[in-house]
Amino acid sequence: MTTPTLPPFHQKIFSHAKSATPAKGVSLAKNNPWRLYPDSVGASRPLRDPSAFTLIELLAVITIIGILAGLTLGAAGAVRRHGATSTAKAEIAALQAACERYFADNAAYPTTNSMPDPSSSQDVDPNLAKYKSSSGALFTALFGANQYNLPPASKRYFEPKPAMVETNRGAPNYLKDPWNGAYGYNSDGTNAPLIWSTANKTNASGTNQWITSWPKM
């Protein structure tokens, strides 16, 4: 008994593919991304290149990237602000300690004729001349020279980092906070000095955000 020869599996299943007729003007070339292929009912329809994106997909991706970028930049800004605040607190504490060493040797704290008053609503801008004048007097007294690039002419009580000194103003140089504003300094020579940073706040409504050497209520 002779066993009948069966057609190959793929020929049996997809034999209808051979009869599919492409739409007018559509090429069946192998590299054509819109070549036809048979669907489940035997008709033919365009095949979209799976590597292409629709407009909606692109807009969704762009939106997600924008949201992630906003979150990242916001977090980076918060980290920078926190770092600047920590730096200012450490510098103010170091200046306080240097003033105490100065007082131990001289029986007086550094002082000058023009100083900002932290209790005055007018003295809230670190760009005021009195801020720079008093900060310059503090720098000169603690550094032992009125310019950062000069050797000390007297005992040095404080060694600031270059980023902490404003040298473009001329003599005397003055001490500046991480926001590039002059440190506030006020002392009559007898009472412990008040040292503060306005933390980049230049109006009276921002005084509660100052970083100070005294406890805030």
Foldseek 3Di string as FASTA:
>chain_A
DDDDDDDDPVCVVCVLQVVADDDPPADCDPPDQQHWGADPVSYIGTHHRPVDDDPVVVVVVVVVVVVVVVVVVVVVVVVVLVVLLVQQLVVQVLLLVLQVVLCVVVVWGFDDDAAADLVDQVRLALVDPSLQVGQQSSCCSQQQHQALPDHHPDDHSDDDDPVQWDHPVDGRIGGAGPVRGRWGWDDPGNDRIKTKDLSPDRGSVSSVVIRIPDDDD
